[in-house]
C-alpha atoms as a PDB file:
ATOM      1  CA  MET A   1      -8.616   3.810 -14.631  1.00  0.00           C
ATOM      2  CA  ASN A   2      -9.447   5.701 -18.213  1.00  0.00           C
ATOM      3  CA  PRO A   3     -12.959   4.734 -19.454  1.00  0.00           C
ATOM      4  CA  THR A   4     -11.214   5.695 -22.768  1.00  0.00           C
ATOM      5  CA  THR A   5      -8.472   3.854 -21.749  1.00  0.00           C
ATOM      6  CA  PRO A   6      -7.949   0.224 -24.096  1.00  0.00           C
ATOM      7  CA  LEU A   7      -8.232  -2.876 -21.961  1.00  0.00           C
ATOM      8  CA  GLY A   8      -4.683  -4.903 -22.112  1.00  0.00           C
ATOM      9  CA  ARG A   9      -4.233  -8.478 -21.817  1.00  0.00           C
ATOM     10  CA  PRO A  10      -6.038 -11.110 -19.695  1.00  0.00           C
ATOM     11  CA  ILE A  11      -5.262 -12.350 -16.919  1.00  0.00           C
ATOM     12  CA  SER A  12      -6.565 -15.951 -15.254  1.00  0.00           C
ATOM     13  CA  VAL A  13      -6.956 -15.985 -11.795  1.00  0.00           C
ATOM     14  CA  ARG A  14      -8.055 -18.639  -8.956  1.00  0.00           C
ATOM     15  CA  LEU A  15     -10.384 -17.236  -6.093  1.00  0.00           C
ATOM     16  CA  PRO A  16     -11.416 -19.433  -2.730  1.00  0.00           C
ATOM     17  CA  GLU A  17     -15.164 -19.795  -3.210  1.00  0.00           C
ATOM     18  CA  ASP A  18     -15.922 -17.027  -1.065  1.00  0.00           C
ATOM     19  CA  LEU A  19     -13.762 -13.878  -2.225  1.00  0.00           C
ATOM     20  CA  ARG A  20     -15.793 -15.301  -5.522  1.00  0.00           C
ATOM     21  CA  GLU A  21     -18.851 -14.741  -4.179  1.00  0.00           C
ATOM     22  CA  ARG A  22     -18.501 -12.111  -2.424  1.00  0.00           C
ATOM     23  CA  VAL A  23     -17.418 -10.321  -6.174  1.00  0.00           C
ATOM     24  CA  GLU A  24     -20.295 -11.752  -7.507  1.00  0.00           C
ATOM     25  CA  ALA A  25     -22.089 -10.754  -5.314  1.00  0.00           C
ATOM     26  CA  LEU A  26     -21.121  -7.250  -5.443  1.00  0.00           C
ATOM     27  CA  ALA A  27     -21.109  -8.037  -9.663  1.00  0.00           C
ATOM     28  CA  LYS A  28     -24.225  -7.740  -9.931  1.00  0.00           C
ATOM     29  CA  ALA A  29     -25.662  -5.546  -6.941  1.00  0.00           C
ATOM     30  CA  THR A  30     -23.601  -2.085  -8.897  1.00  0.00           C
ATOM     31  CA  ARG A  31     -24.793  -4.130 -12.223  1.00  0.00           C
ATOM     32  CA  ARG A  32     -20.906  -4.502 -13.279  1.00  0.00           C
ATOM     33  CA  SER A  33     -19.129  -6.777 -14.678  1.00  0.00           C
ATOM     34  CA  LYS A  34     -17.253  -9.224 -12.293  1.00  0.00           C
ATOM     35  CA  GLY A  35     -13.734  -8.723 -14.087  1.00  0.00           C
ATOM     36  CA  ASP A  36     -14.596  -4.518 -12.990  1.00  0.00           C
ATOM     37  CA  VAL A  37     -15.210  -5.404  -9.809  1.00  0.00           C
ATOM     38  CA  VAL A  38     -11.968  -6.799  -9.680  1.00  0.00           C
ATOM     39  CA  ARG A  39     -10.011  -4.085 -11.909  1.00  0.00           C
ATOM     40  CA  GLU A  40     -11.451  -2.012  -9.697  1.00  0.00           C
ATOM     41  CA  VAL A  41     -10.838  -4.068  -6.685  1.00  0.00           C
ATOM     42  CA  LEU A  42      -7.126  -3.907  -8.047  1.00  0.00           C
ATOM     43  CA  GLU A  43      -6.654   0.180  -9.254  1.00  0.00           C
ATOM     44  CA  ARG A  44      -7.703   1.146  -5.414  1.00  0.00           C
ATOM     45  CA  ASP A  45      -5.601  -1.884  -3.606  1.00  0.00           C
ATOM     46  CA  LEU A  46      -2.513  -2.132  -5.508  1.00  0.00           C
ATOM     47  CA  SER A  47      -0.588   0.703  -4.922  1.00  0.00           C
ATOM     48  CA  GLU A  48      -0.656  -0.045  -1.475  1.00  0.00           C
ATOM     49  CA  LEU A  49       0.441  -3.771  -2.118  1.00  0.00           C
ATOM     50  CA  GLU A  50       3.505  -2.319  -3.348  1.00  0.00           C
ATOM     51  CA  TRP A  51       4.696   0.446  -1.025  1.00  0.00           C
ATOM     52  CA  GLU A  52       4.211  -2.564   1.276  1.00  0.00           C
ATOM     53  CA  GLN A  53       7.116  -4.329  -0.713  1.00  0.00           C
ATOM     54  CA  ARG A  54       9.201  -1.195  -1.214  1.00  0.00           C
ATOM     55  CA  ILE A  55       9.402  -0.790   2.702  1.00  0.00           C
ATOM     56  CA  ILE A  56       9.836  -4.513   3.034  1.00  0.00           C
ATOM     57  CA  ASP A  57      12.772  -3.894   0.108  1.00  0.00           C
ATOM     58  CA  ARG A  58      14.050  -0.994   2.027  1.00  0.00           C
ATOM     59  CA  ALA A  59      14.608  -2.810   5.642  1.00  0.00           C
ATOM     60  CA  ALA A  60      16.085  -5.930   3.958  1.00  0.00           C
ATOM     61  CA  ASP A  61      18.135  -3.471   3.020  1.00  0.00           C
ATOM     62  CA  LEU A  62      19.234  -2.023   5.854  1.00  0.00           C
ATOM     63  CA  ARG A  63      18.643  -5.258   7.441  1.00  0.00           C
ATOM     64  CA  SER A  64      22.228  -6.472   5.268  1.00  0.00           C
ATOM     65  CA  GLY A  65      24.159  -3.633   5.682  1.00  0.00           C
ATOM     66  CA  ARG A  66      23.131  -2.478   1.150  1.00  0.00           C
ATOM     67  CA  VAL A  67      22.204   1.183   2.413  1.00  0.00           C
ATOM     68  CA  GLN A  68      23.175   1.841   6.323  1.00  0.00           C
ATOM     69  CA  ALA A  69      20.318   3.806   8.300  1.00  0.00           C
ATOM     70  CA  VAL A  70      20.453   7.858   9.293  1.00  0.00           C
ATOM     71  CA  PRO A  71      20.868   8.116  13.331  1.00  0.00           C
ATOM     72  CA  LEU A  72      17.811  10.628  14.685  1.00  0.00           C
ATOM     73  CA  ILE A  73      20.430  12.384  16.461  1.00  0.00           C
ATOM     74  CA  VAL A  74      21.562  14.037  12.917  1.00  0.00           C
ATOM     75  CA  VAL A  75      18.235  13.701  11.612  1.00  0.00           C
ATOM     76  CA  GLU A  76      17.595  16.457  14.385  1.00  0.00           C
ATOM     77  CA  ARG A  77      20.833  18.034  13.942  1.00  0.00           C
ATOM     78  CA  GLU A  78      19.997  19.075   9.785  1.00  0.00           C
ATOM     79  CA  LEU A  79      16.317  19.570  10.086  1.00  0.00           C
ATOM     80  CA  GLY A  80      17.258  22.089  13.130  1.00  0.00           C
ATOM     81  CA  LEU A  81      15.655  20.087  15.895  1.00  0.00           C
ATOM     82  CA  ASN A  82      18.422  19.723  18.544  1.00  0.00           C
ATOM     83  CA  ASP A  83      15.932  21.645  21.047  1.00  0.00           C
ATOM     84  CA  ALA A  84      11.872  21.338  20.146  1.00  0.00           C
ATOM     85  CA  PRO A  85      10.333  20.447  22.351  1.00  0.00           C
ATOM     86  CA  VAL A  86       8.642  17.366  22.064  1.00  0.00           C
ATOM     87  CA  ASP A  87       5.189  17.260  23.138  1.00  0.00           C
ATOM     88  CA  THR A  88       4.081  14.190  24.836  1.00  0.00           C
ATOM     89  CA  SER A  89       0.410  14.394  24.076  1.00  0.00           C
ATOM     90  CA  ILE A  90       1.217  12.513  20.576  1.00  0.00           C
ATOM     91  CA  LEU A  91       3.083   9.567  22.535  1.00  0.00           C
ATOM     92  CA  ASN A  92      -0.516   8.018  23.231  1.00  0.00           C
ATOM     93  CA  GLU A  93      -1.552   7.472  19.876  1.00  0.00           C
ATOM     94  CA  VAL A  94       1.336   6.010  18.931  1.00  0.00           C
ATOM     95  CA  GLU A  95       2.112   2.649  19.641  1.00  0.00           C
END
């Protein structure tokens, strides 16, 4: 967050004791407020949670038939990959 951006309205969050203790310890170690620590965690990780939710929503759309998947053969044809050799070394990295 930009230091010149005014803070908005506060929200209240209940945390398990262990999580609260971790926030308090980090705030003390970094000489920042607990609110600053929580705000930074949200700024760093909220976009990842939003991305995950978009994937969940997209999967639900596919399962329900609201949208249709594009078959791999169509994607390969449109990208000109029909006869492209497959690099099998990358398959070891995928599980």
